Amino acid sequence: MTTRKVAAVIGGSGFLGRHVVRRLAEDGYVVRVAARRADRAASLRPLGDVGQIVPLGASILNPESLVPVVEGARVVVNLVGILAERGRATFQAVHVEGAAAVARLAASAGVAQLVHVSAIGASPDSRSAYGRSKAAGEDAVLRAMPEATIVRPSILFGAEDHFTNLFATLARFSPIVPVYGARTRLQPVYVADVAEGIRRLLAGGYAGTIFEFGGPAIRTMEEIARLVVAAVGRRRLVVAVPPALAWWQAMWLERLPGKMLTRDQLAMLSSDNVAADGAPGLQQLGIQPASMEMIVPSYLARYKIT
């Protein structure tokens, strides 16, 4: 009797997770998808054969709940991350303690490959608590499992993102499109390319390596906003929000339940989000990343005037 290989994807019900799960299913894995609520991962079942995608309710804030997710898995991918703190879900709890717990579980279970997804800008010297916690999380993962592979993507774009779609929504309903961190340089990367990169890393051979995944072009946030406005065929005034006004707005918006904008996010936007020179990236894995011009207009077509 042949035992099927198992993959565990922690935080697999999110934007990047759906793409990773699809590729692992294509590679023949039984994919356990851990999410705080199993019903949120249930929609992923059609990505594989009957019984191949297994949604499981588990939280990185409760490491014991992850034991049955990781036990017996050949590969593990940790995609969990937050942009704003809410209740128990602090940067320390999620990015550091939670990441370390996943790595310890993977090591004790004898997992062959662990890919931990961090972010470009992770640094103990980051101006943002987010960036500092991401760096501390990487260190914690590598202490627990030195052969783990770290992936730092730049900002992701794709059909279900909360990035280009936000600019497109503003362009649809508002004559003005405000841009925070307008001069900050980013290297947007297509979500499917990142998922494919993770798939190839799981094949092995990159123990203890840190990869930085960026797209083919570096753009300012304002340039990205203008690209989106043009893609949806709207004529809108794109306005760079002055830093002092942005800080005041964030001070009030972060008090609201949705935390649409926080001062820590503005601190993140005060630094460029670009892959470091010489850092291994998608090209080293044989992937030519897709450009925004190639991908974005197709999925933003629904925002055009009809």
C-alpha atoms as a PDB file:
ATOM      1  CA  MET A   1       0.000   0.000   0.000  1.00  0.00           C
ATOM      2  CA  THR A   2       1.414   3.409  -1.014  1.00  0.00           C
ATOM      3  CA  THR A   3       1.247   6.214   1.552  1.00  0.00           C
ATOM      4  CA  ARG A   4       0.534   9.568  -0.051  1.00  0.00           C
ATOM      5  CA  LYS A   5       2.904  12.423   0.726  1.00  0.00           C
ATOM      6  CA  VAL A   6       1.497  15.169   2.938  1.00  0.00           C
ATOM      7  CA  ALA A   7       2.029  18.934   2.892  1.00  0.00           C
ATOM      8  CA  ALA A   8       0.942  21.303   5.663  1.00  0.00           C
ATOM      9  CA  VAL A   9       0.181  24.923   4.799  1.00  0.00           C
ATOM     10  CA  ILE A  10      -0.248  27.133   7.856  1.00  0.00           C
ATOM     11  CA  GLY A  11      -2.403  30.147   7.002  1.00  0.00           C
ATOM     12  CA  GLY A  12      -3.307  28.557   3.691  1.00  0.00           C
ATOM     13  CA  SER A  13      -6.736  30.146   3.297  1.00  0.00           C
ATOM     14  CA  GLY A  14      -5.316  33.588   2.461  1.00  0.00           C
ATOM     15  CA  PHE A  15      -4.363  35.326  -0.764  1.00  0.00           C
ATOM     16  CA  LEU A  16      -0.996  33.619  -1.287  1.00  0.00           C
ATOM     17  CA  GLY A  17      -2.146  30.414   0.391  1.00  0.00           C
ATOM     18  CA  ARG A  18      -4.706  29.582  -2.284  1.00  0.00           C
ATOM     19  CA  HIS A  19      -2.009  29.649  -4.953  1.00  0.00           C
ATOM     20  CA  VAL A  20       0.415  27.572  -2.877  1.00  0.00           C
ATOM     21  CA  VAL A  21      -2.255  24.973  -2.097  1.00  0.00           C
ATOM     22  CA  ARG A  22      -3.131  24.640  -5.781  1.00  0.00           C
ATOM     23  CA  ARG A  23       0.483  23.934  -6.733  1.00  0.00           C
ATOM     24  CA  LEU A  24       1.049  21.422  -3.966  1.00  0.00           C
ATOM     25  CA  ALA A  25      -2.123  19.601  -4.996  1.00  0.00           C
ATOM     26  CA  GLU A  26      -0.859  19.525  -8.589  1.00  0.00           C
ATOM     27  CA  ASP A  27       2.339  17.916  -7.255  1.00  0.00           C
ATOM     28  CA  GLY A  28       0.315  15.101  -5.712  1.00  0.00           C
ATOM     29  CA  TYR A  29       0.389  16.134  -2.070  1.00  0.00           C
ATOM     30  CA  VAL A  30      -2.448  15.646   0.331  1.00  0.00           C
ATOM     31  CA  VAL A  31      -2.605  19.244   1.545  1.00  0.00           C
ATOM     32  CA  ARG A  32      -3.606  20.035   5.107  1.00  0.00           C
ATOM     33  CA  VAL A  33      -4.694  23.669   5.202  1.00  0.00           C
ATOM     34  CA  ALA A  34      -4.585  25.201   8.660  1.00  0.00           C
ATOM     35  CA  ALA A  35      -6.797  28.240   9.264  1.00  0.00           C
ATOM     36  CA  ARG A  36      -8.314  29.780  12.370  1.00  0.00           C
ATOM     37  CA  ARG A  37     -11.675  28.650  11.014  1.00  0.00           C
ATOM     38  CA  ALA A  38     -11.737  25.492   8.935  1.00  0.00           C
ATOM     39  CA  ASP A  39     -14.778  26.710   6.988  1.00  0.00           C
ATOM     40  CA  ARG A  40     -12.685  29.540   5.536  1.00  0.00           C
ATOM     41  CA  ALA A  41     -10.412  26.958   3.934  1.00  0.00           C
ATOM     42  CA  ALA A  42     -13.273  24.732   2.746  1.00  0.00           C
ATOM     43  CA  SER A  43     -13.546  26.679  -0.517  1.00  0.00           C
ATOM     44  CA  LEU A  44     -10.089  25.349  -1.452  1.00  0.00           C
ATOM     45  CA  ARG A  45     -11.303  21.750  -1.770  1.00  0.00           C
ATOM     46  CA  PRO A  46     -12.016  22.036  -5.540  1.00  0.00           C
ATOM     47  CA  LEU A  47      -8.309  22.822  -6.095  1.00  0.00           C
ATOM     48  CA  GLY A  48      -7.560  19.113  -5.715  1.00  0.00           C
ATOM     49  CA  ASP A  49      -9.143  15.700  -6.099  1.00  0.00           C
ATOM     50  CA  VAL A  50     -11.757  14.437  -3.667  1.00  0.00           C
ATOM     51  CA  GLY A  51     -10.200  14.330  -0.213  1.00  0.00           C
ATOM     52  CA  GLN A  52      -6.895  15.806  -1.346  1.00  0.00           C
ATOM     53  CA  ILE A  53      -7.387  19.228   0.303  1.00  0.00           C
ATOM     54  CA  VAL A  54      -8.024  18.872   4.039  1.00  0.00           C
ATOM     55  CA  PRO A  55      -9.147  22.065   5.857  1.00  0.00           C
ATOM     56  CA  LEU A  56      -8.270  22.051   9.556  1.00  0.00           C
ATOM     57  CA  GLY A  57      -9.130  24.539  12.270  1.00  0.00           C
ATOM     58  CA  ALA A  58      -5.873  25.574  13.946  1.00  0.00           C
ATOM     59  CA  SER A  59      -4.259  28.783  15.126  1.00  0.00           C
ATOM     60  CA  ILE A  60      -0.637  29.822  15.292  1.00  0.00           C
ATOM     61  CA  LEU A  61      -1.564  31.439  18.615  1.00  0.00           C
ATOM     62  CA  ASN A  62      -2.305  27.941  19.936  1.00  0.00           C
ATOM     63  CA  PRO A  63       0.662  25.742  18.921  1.00  0.00           C
ATOM     64  CA  GLU A  64      -0.984  22.594  20.307  1.00  0.00           C
ATOM     65  CA  SER A  65      -3.678  22.926  17.654  1.00  0.00           C
ATOM     66  CA  LEU A  66      -0.980  22.704  14.967  1.00  0.00           C
ATOM     67  CA  VAL A  67       0.382  19.332  16.122  1.00  0.00           C
ATOM     68  CA  PRO A  68      -2.051  17.210  14.023  1.00  0.00           C
ATOM     69  CA  VAL A  69      -1.472  19.556  11.071  1.00  0.00           C
ATOM     70  CA  VAL A  70       2.298  19.107  11.035  1.00  0.00           C
ATOM     71  CA  GLU A  71       2.624  15.515  12.284  1.00  0.00           C
ATOM     72  CA  GLY A  72       3.467  13.182   9.407  1.00  0.00           C
ATOM     73  CA  ALA A  73       3.914  15.988   6.860  1.00  0.00           C
ATOM     74  CA  ARG A  74       6.801  15.869   4.414  1.00  0.00           C
ATOM     75  CA  VAL A  75       6.832  19.641   3.836  1.00  0.00           C
ATOM     76  CA  VAL A  76       5.477  22.631   5.769  1.00  0.00           C
ATOM     77  CA  VAL A  77       4.839  26.179   4.580  1.00  0.00           C
ATOM     78  CA  ASN A  78       4.146  28.953   7.093  1.00  0.00           C
ATOM     79  CA  LEU A  79       2.309  31.864   5.469  1.00  0.00           C
ATOM     80  CA  VAL A  80       0.851  33.485   8.581  1.00  0.00           C
ATOM     81  CA  GLY A  81       1.354  37.218   8.915  1.00  0.00           C
ATOM     82  CA  ILE A  82      -0.547  40.294  10.046  1.00  0.00           C
ATOM     83  CA  LEU A  83      -0.285  43.958   9.060  1.00  0.00           C
ATOM     84  CA  ALA A  84      -1.910  45.333  12.217  1.00  0.00           C
ATOM     85  CA  GLU A  85      -2.180  44.091  15.774  1.00  0.00           C
ATOM     86  CA  ARG A  86      -5.580  43.064  17.155  1.00  0.00           C
ATOM     87  CA  GLY A  87      -6.122  41.634  20.617  1.00  0.00           C
ATOM     88  CA  ARG A  88      -3.923  38.570  21.203  1.00  0.00           C
ATOM     89  CA  ALA A  89      -2.703  38.703  17.612  1.00  0.00           C
ATOM     90  CA  THR A  90       0.312  40.918  18.223  1.00  0.00           C
ATOM     91  CA  PHE A  91       3.403  41.057  16.025  1.00  0.00           C
ATOM     92  CA  GLN A  92       5.365  39.311  18.784  1.00  0.00           C
ATOM     93  CA  ALA A  93       2.802  36.539  19.184  1.00  0.00           C
ATOM     94  CA  VAL A  94       2.286  35.878  15.463  1.00  0.00           C
ATOM     95  CA  HIS A  95       5.551  36.739  13.706  1.00  0.00           C
ATOM     96  CA  VAL A  96       7.964  35.622  16.420  1.00  0.00           C
ATOM     97  CA  GLU A  97       6.460  33.177  18.914  1.00  0.00           C
ATOM     98  CA  GLY A  98       4.072  31.595  16.412  1.00  0.00           C
ATOM     99  CA  ALA A  99       6.736  31.240  13.727  1.00  0.00           C
ATOM    100  CA  ALA A 100       9.130  29.675  16.242  1.00  0.00           C
ATOM    101  CA  ALA A 101       6.443  27.213  17.354  1.00  0.00           C
ATOM    102  CA  VAL A 102       5.826  26.077  13.765  1.00  0.00           C
ATOM    103  CA  ALA A 103       9.559  25.561  13.234  1.00  0.00           C
ATOM    104  CA  ARG A 104       9.916  23.574  16.460  1.00  0.00           C
ATOM    105  CA  LEU A 105       6.978  21.359  15.542  1.00  0.00           C
ATOM    106  CA  ALA A 106       8.384  20.820  12.045  1.00  0.00           C
ATOM    107  CA  ALA A 107      11.804  19.911  13.426  1.00  0.00           C
ATOM    108  CA  SER A 108      10.451  17.498  16.038  1.00  0.00           C
ATOM    109  CA  ALA A 109       8.178  15.857  13.434  1.00  0.00           C
ATOM    110  CA  GLY A 110      11.098  15.232  11.109  1.00  0.00           C
ATOM    111  CA  VAL A 111       9.707  17.422   8.325  1.00  0.00           C
ATOM    112  CA  ALA A 112      11.966  17.371   5.262  1.00  0.00           C
ATOM    113  CA  GLN A 113      11.392  20.984   4.152  1.00  0.00           C
ATOM    114  CA  LEU A 114      10.090  24.084   5.910  1.00  0.00           C
ATOM    115  CA  VAL A 115       9.496  27.296   3.986  1.00  0.00           C
ATOM    116  CA  HIS A 116       8.840  30.309   6.204  1.00  0.00           C
ATOM    117  CA  VAL A 117       7.391  33.359   4.432  1.00  0.00           C
ATOM    118  CA  SER A 118       8.641  36.650   5.848  1.00  0.00           C
ATOM    119  CA  ALA A 119       8.850  39.994   4.015  1.00  0.00           C
ATOM    120  CA  ILE A 120      11.341  42.263   2.301  1.00  0.00           C
ATOM    121  CA  GLY A 121      12.252  44.904   4.861  1.00  0.00           C
ATOM    122  CA  ALA A 122      12.567  42.439   7.731  1.00  0.00           C
ATOM    123  CA  SER A 123      15.323  43.931   9.861  1.00  0.00           C
ATOM    124  CA  PRO A 124      16.081  44.491  13.545  1.00  0.00           C
ATOM    125  CA  ASP A 125      16.716  48.123  12.560  1.00  0.00           C
ATOM    126  CA  SER A 126      13.383  48.594  10.758  1.00  0.00           C
ATOM    127  CA  ARG A 127      11.440  51.760  11.561  1.00  0.00           C
ATOM    128  CA  SER A 128       8.294  49.650  11.932  1.00  0.00           C
ATOM    129  CA  ALA A 129       7.419  47.116  14.612  1.00  0.00           C
ATOM    130  CA  TYR A 130       6.193  44.914  11.756  1.00  0.00           C
ATOM    131  CA  GLY A 131       9.632  44.820  10.121  1.00  0.00           C
ATOM    132  CA  ARG A 132      11.450  44.243  13.410  1.00  0.00           C
ATOM    133  CA  SER A 133       9.110  41.386  14.348  1.00  0.00           C
ATOM    134  CA  LYS A 134       9.566  39.759  10.936  1.00  0.00           C
ATOM    135  CA  ALA A 135      13.344  39.795  11.451  1.00  0.00           C
ATOM    136  CA  ALA A 136      13.010  38.339  14.950  1.00  0.00           C
ATOM    137  CA  GLY A 137      10.714  35.653  13.539  1.00  0.00           C
ATOM    138  CA  GLU A 138      13.284  34.644  10.930  1.00  0.00           C
ATOM    139  CA  ASP A 139      15.941  34.312  13.628  1.00  0.00           C
ATOM    140  CA  ALA A 140      13.618  32.227  15.794  1.00  0.00           C
ATOM    141  CA  VAL A 141      12.771  29.908  12.890  1.00  0.00           C
ATOM    142  CA  LEU A 142      16.409  29.317  11.963  1.00  0.00           C
ATOM    143  CA  ARG A 143      17.351  28.655  15.592  1.00  0.00           C
ATOM    144  CA  ALA A 144      14.643  25.994  15.835  1.00  0.00           C
ATOM    145  CA  MET A 145      15.255  24.543  12.370  1.00  0.00           C
ATOM    146  CA  PRO A 146      18.500  25.772  10.747  1.00  0.00           C
ATOM    147  CA  GLU A 147      17.699  24.001   7.479  1.00  0.00           C
ATOM    148  CA  ALA A 148      14.505  26.035   6.972  1.00  0.00           C
ATOM    149  CA  THR A 149      14.243  28.277   3.903  1.00  0.00           C
ATOM    150  CA  ILE A 150      13.152  31.903   4.314  1.00  0.00           C
ATOM    151  CA  VAL A 151      11.187  33.723   1.601  1.00  0.00           C
ATOM    152  CA  ARG A 152      10.912  37.509   1.668  1.00  0.00           C
ATOM    153  CA  PRO A 153       8.468  38.754  -0.980  1.00  0.00           C
ATOM    154  CA  SER A 154       7.848  42.369  -1.886  1.00  0.00           C
ATOM    155  CA  ILE A 155       4.217  43.482  -2.035  1.00  0.00           C
ATOM    156  CA  LEU A 156       2.025  40.960  -3.876  1.00  0.00           C
ATOM    157  CA  PHE A 157      -0.401  41.719  -6.678  1.00  0.00           C
ATOM    158  CA  GLY A 158      -3.042  39.491  -8.216  1.00  0.00           C
ATOM    159  CA  ALA A 159      -6.768  39.173  -8.828  1.00  0.00           C
ATOM    160  CA  GLU A 160      -7.758  38.911  -5.147  1.00  0.00           C
ATOM    161  CA  ASP A 161      -5.221  41.350  -3.693  1.00  0.00           C
ATOM    162  CA  HIS A 162      -5.985  44.235  -1.333  1.00  0.00           C
ATOM    163  CA  PHE A 163      -3.443  46.436  -3.053  1.00  0.00           C
ATOM    164  CA  THR A 164      -4.227  47.168  -6.696  1.00  0.00           C
ATOM    165  CA  ASN A 165      -7.908  46.460  -6.058  1.00  0.00           C
ATOM    166  CA  LEU A 166      -7.953  49.208  -3.419  1.00  0.00           C
ATOM    167  CA  PHE A 167      -6.590  51.768  -5.867  1.00  0.00           C
ATOM    168  CA  ALA A 168      -9.072  50.547  -8.504  1.00  0.00           C
ATOM    169  CA  THR A 169     -12.003  50.880  -6.088  1.00  0.00           C
ATOM    170  CA  LEU A 170     -10.950  54.414  -5.186  1.00  0.00           C
ATOM    171  CA  ALA A 171     -10.622  55.273  -8.878  1.00  0.00           C
ATOM    172  CA  ARG A 172     -14.094  53.936  -9.516  1.00  0.00           C
ATOM    173  CA  PHE A 173     -15.907  55.895  -6.828  1.00  0.00           C
ATOM    174  CA  SER A 174     -13.746  58.927  -6.056  1.00  0.00           C
ATOM    175  CA  PRO A 175     -12.438  61.773  -8.227  1.00  0.00           C
ATOM    176  CA  ILE A 176      -9.272  61.768  -6.083  1.00  0.00           C
ATOM    177  CA  VAL A 177      -6.971  58.815  -5.427  1.00  0.00           C
ATOM    178  CA  PRO A 178      -4.856  59.499  -2.303  1.00  0.00           C
ATOM    179  CA  VAL A 179      -1.453  57.828  -2.077  1.00  0.00           C
ATOM    180  CA  TYR A 180       0.422  57.239   1.161  1.00  0.00           C
ATOM    181  CA  GLY A 181       4.194  56.866   0.958  1.00  0.00           C
ATOM    182  CA  ALA A 182       4.002  58.177  -2.582  1.00  0.00           C
ATOM    183  CA  ARG A 183       7.763  58.262  -3.154  1.00  0.00           C
ATOM    184  CA  THR A 184       8.483  54.890  -1.563  1.00  0.00           C
ATOM    185  CA  ARG A 185       9.956  52.415  -4.049  1.00  0.00           C
ATOM    186  CA  LEU A 186       8.468  48.927  -4.254  1.00  0.00           C
ATOM    187  CA  GLN A 187       9.067  45.847  -6.391  1.00  0.00           C
ATOM    188  CA  PRO A 188       5.550  44.369  -6.784  1.00  0.00           C
ATOM    189  CA  VAL A 189       5.574  40.650  -7.505  1.00  0.00           C
ATOM    190  CA  TYR A 190       2.828  38.502  -9.015  1.00  0.00           C
ATOM    191  CA  VAL A 191       1.321  36.166  -6.434  1.00  0.00           C
ATOM    192  CA  ALA A 192       1.417  33.177  -8.793  1.00  0.00           C
ATOM    193  CA  ASP A 193       5.167  33.656  -9.289  1.00  0.00           C
ATOM    194  CA  VAL A 194       5.741  33.652  -5.530  1.00  0.00           C
ATOM    195  CA  ALA A 195       3.675  30.467  -5.165  1.00  0.00           C
ATOM    196  CA  GLU A 196       5.668  28.813  -7.945  1.00  0.00           C
ATOM    197  CA  GLY A 197       8.887  29.897  -6.243  1.00  0.00           C
ATOM    198  CA  ILE A 198       7.766  28.280  -2.987  1.00  0.00           C
ATOM    199  CA  ARG A 199       6.865  25.121  -4.883  1.00  0.00           C
ATOM    200  CA  ARG A 200      10.386  24.906  -6.313  1.00  0.00           C
ATOM    201  CA  LEU A 201      12.024  25.626  -2.966  1.00  0.00           C
ATOM    202  CA  LEU A 202      10.144  22.688  -1.471  1.00  0.00           C
ATOM    203  CA  ALA A 203      11.950  20.421  -3.904  1.00  0.00           C
ATOM    204  CA  GLY A 204      14.994  20.945  -1.659  1.00  0.00           C
ATOM    205  CA  GLY A 205      18.559  22.073  -2.023  1.00  0.00           C
ATOM    206  CA  TYR A 206      18.216  25.501  -0.386  1.00  0.00           C
ATOM    207  CA  ALA A 207      18.634  24.731   3.314  1.00  0.00           C
ATOM    208  CA  GLY A 208      19.137  27.799   5.467  1.00  0.00           C
ATOM    209  CA  THR A 209      18.917  30.177   2.486  1.00  0.00           C
ATOM    210  CA  ILE A 210      17.071  33.515   2.470  1.00  0.00           C
ATOM    211  CA  PHE A 211      15.365  34.392  -0.832  1.00  0.00           C
ATOM    212  CA  GLU A 212      13.974  37.812  -1.743  1.00  0.00           C
ATOM    213  CA  PHE A 213      11.194  37.688  -4.335  1.00  0.00           C
ATOM    214  CA  GLY A 214      10.546  40.851  -6.328  1.00  0.00           C
ATOM    215  CA  GLY A 215       8.948  41.595  -9.673  1.00  0.00           C
ATOM    216  CA  PRO A 216      10.776  42.741 -12.818  1.00  0.00           C
ATOM    217  CA  ALA A 217      10.325  46.485 -12.192  1.00  0.00           C
ATOM    218  CA  ILE A 218      10.831  48.916  -9.312  1.00  0.00           C
ATOM    219  CA  ARG A 219       8.176  51.625  -8.993  1.00  0.00           C
ATOM    220  CA  THR A 220       7.141  54.295  -6.535  1.00  0.00           C
ATOM    221  CA  MET A 221       3.785  53.927  -4.843  1.00  0.00           C
ATOM    222  CA  GLU A 222       2.533  56.912  -6.838  1.00  0.00           C
ATOM    223  CA  GLU A 223       3.606  55.293 -10.124  1.00  0.00           C
ATOM    224  CA  ILE A 224       1.703  52.141  -9.158  1.00  0.00           C
ATOM    225  CA  ALA A 225      -1.429  54.150  -8.394  1.00  0.00           C
ATOM    226  CA  ARG A 226      -1.214  55.856 -11.788  1.00  0.00           C
ATOM    227  CA  LEU A 227      -0.723  52.503 -13.524  1.00  0.00           C
ATOM    228  CA  VAL A 228      -3.895  51.168 -11.887  1.00  0.00           C
ATOM    229  CA  VAL A 229      -5.923  54.279 -12.719  1.00  0.00           C
ATOM    230  CA  ALA A 230      -4.830  53.975 -16.345  1.00  0.00           C
ATOM    231  CA  ALA A 231      -5.622  50.249 -16.383  1.00  0.00           C
ATOM    232  CA  VAL A 232      -9.232  50.856 -15.354  1.00  0.00           C
ATOM    233  CA  GLY A 233      -9.672  53.640 -17.896  1.00  0.00           C
ATOM    234  CA  ARG A 234     -10.491  56.385 -15.389  1.00  0.00           C
ATOM    235  CA  ARG A 235      -9.318  59.986 -15.351  1.00  0.00           C
ATOM    236  CA  ARG A 236      -8.572  60.719 -11.724  1.00  0.00           C
ATOM    237  CA  LEU A 237      -6.415  63.101  -9.733  1.00  0.00           C
ATOM    238  CA  VAL A 238      -3.688  61.064  -8.018  1.00  0.00           C
ATOM    239  CA  VAL A 239      -2.584  62.948  -4.900  1.00  0.00           C
ATOM    240  CA  ALA A 240       0.406  62.277  -2.661  1.00  0.00           C
ATOM    241  CA  VAL A 241      -0.764  62.622   0.950  1.00  0.00           C
ATOM    242  CA  PRO A 242       1.695  64.802   2.930  1.00  0.00           C
ATOM    243  CA  PRO A 243       3.439  62.820   5.687  1.00  0.00           C
ATOM    244  CA  ALA A 244       2.118  65.018   8.518  1.00  0.00           C
ATOM    245  CA  LEU A 245      -1.485  64.640   7.313  1.00  0.00           C
ATOM    246  CA  ALA A 246      -1.016  60.907   6.781  1.00  0.00           C
ATOM    247  CA  TRP A 247       0.268  60.514  10.343  1.00  0.00           C
ATOM    248  CA  TRP A 248      -2.717  62.410  11.755  1.00  0.00           C
ATOM    249  CA  GLN A 249      -5.163  60.314   9.700  1.00  0.00           C
ATOM    250  CA  ALA A 250      -3.498  57.074  10.783  1.00  0.00           C
ATOM    251  CA  MET A 251      -3.645  58.101  14.428  1.00  0.00           C
ATOM    252  CA  TRP A 252      -7.439  58.178  14.152  1.00  0.00           C
ATOM    253  CA  LEU A 253      -8.014  55.366  11.657  1.00  0.00           C
ATOM    254  CA  GLU A 254      -6.050  52.818  13.690  1.00  0.00           C
ATOM    255  CA  ARG A 255      -8.594  53.224  16.475  1.00  0.00           C
ATOM    256  CA  LEU A 256     -11.371  51.902  14.236  1.00  0.00           C
ATOM    257  CA  PRO A 257     -12.140  48.142  14.180  1.00  0.00           C
ATOM    258  CA  GLY A 258     -10.920  47.648  10.606  1.00  0.00           C
ATOM    259  CA  LYS A 259      -7.595  49.469  11.172  1.00  0.00           C
ATOM    260  CA  MET A 260      -7.512  50.639   7.560  1.00  0.00           C
ATOM    261  CA  LEU A 261      -4.316  52.578   8.211  1.00  0.00           C
ATOM    262  CA  THR A 262      -1.904  52.579  11.149  1.00  0.00           C
ATOM    263  CA  ARG A 263       1.137  54.612  12.101  1.00  0.00           C
ATOM    264  CA  ASP A 264       3.218  51.456  11.957  1.00  0.00           C
ATOM    265  CA  GLN A 265       2.152  50.922   8.346  1.00  0.00           C
ATOM    266  CA  LEU A 266       3.258  54.459   7.566  1.00  0.00           C
ATOM    267  CA  ALA A 267       6.584  53.653   9.201  1.00  0.00           C
ATOM    268  CA  MET A 268       6.838  50.663   6.851  1.00  0.00           C
ATOM    269  CA  LEU A 269       6.142  52.945   3.896  1.00  0.00           C
ATOM    270  CA  SER A 270       8.942  55.273   4.950  1.00  0.00           C
ATOM    271  CA  SER A 271      11.482  52.735   3.636  1.00  0.00           C
ATOM    272  CA  ASP A 272      11.836  51.198   0.171  1.00  0.00           C
ATOM    273  CA  ASN A 273      10.563  47.642  -0.305  1.00  0.00           C
ATOM    274  CA  VAL A 274      13.048  46.348  -2.863  1.00  0.00           C
ATOM    275  CA  ALA A 275      15.060  43.132  -3.073  1.00  0.00           C
ATOM    276  CA  ALA A 276      18.647  43.540  -1.902  1.00  0.00           C
ATOM    277  CA  ASP A 277      21.403  43.485  -4.505  1.00  0.00           C
ATOM    278  CA  GLY A 278      22.801  39.980  -4.824  1.00  0.00           C
ATOM    279  CA  ALA A 279      20.010  38.310  -2.875  1.00  0.00           C
ATOM    280  CA  PRO A 280      18.826  35.056  -4.503  1.00  0.00           C
ATOM    281  CA  GLY A 281      15.391  35.486  -6.027  1.00  0.00           C
ATOM    282  CA  LEU A 282      12.930  34.063  -8.512  1.00  0.00           C
ATOM    283  CA  GLN A 283      15.443  34.092 -11.349  1.00  0.00           C
ATOM    284  CA  GLN A 284      17.704  31.697  -9.418  1.00  0.00           C
ATOM    285  CA  LEU A 285      14.782  29.276  -9.422  1.00  0.00           C
ATOM    286  CA  GLY A 286      14.286  29.587 -13.171  1.00  0.00           C
ATOM    287  CA  ILE A 287      11.266  31.888 -12.914  1.00  0.00           C
ATOM    288  CA  GLN A 288      10.941  35.038 -15.008  1.00  0.00           C
ATOM    289  CA  PRO A 289       8.537  37.172 -12.960  1.00  0.00           C
ATOM    290  CA  ALA A 290       5.521  38.645 -14.733  1.00  0.00           C
ATOM    291  CA  SER A 291       5.136  42.406 -15.001  1.00  0.00           C
ATOM    292  CA  MET A 292       2.235  44.432 -13.674  1.00  0.00           C
ATOM    293  CA  GLU A 293       1.480  45.626 -17.223  1.00  0.00           C
ATOM    294  CA  MET A 294       1.011  42.018 -18.305  1.00  0.00           C
ATOM    295  CA  ILE A 295      -1.269  40.902 -15.464  1.00  0.00           C
ATOM    296  CA  VAL A 296      -3.059  43.819 -13.814  1.00  0.00           C
ATOM    297  CA  PRO A 297      -5.287  45.066 -16.691  1.00  0.00           C
ATOM    298  CA  SER A 298      -6.900  41.636 -17.144  1.00  0.00           C
ATOM    299  CA  TYR A 299      -8.238  41.300 -13.606  1.00  0.00           C
ATOM    300  CA  LEU A 300      -9.055  44.999 -13.120  1.00  0.00           C
ATOM    301  CA  ALA A 301     -11.220  45.096 -16.245  1.00  0.00           C
ATOM    302  CA  ARG A 302     -14.324  44.829 -14.047  1.00  0.00           C
ATOM    303  CA  TYR A 303     -13.657  48.352 -12.759  1.00  0.00           C
ATOM    304  CA  LYS A 304     -13.871  49.905 -16.203  1.00  0.00           C
ATOM    305  CA  ILE A 305     -16.791  52.041 -17.302  1.00  0.00           C
ATOM    306  CA  THR A 306     -19.266  49.893 -19.241  1.00  0.00           C
END
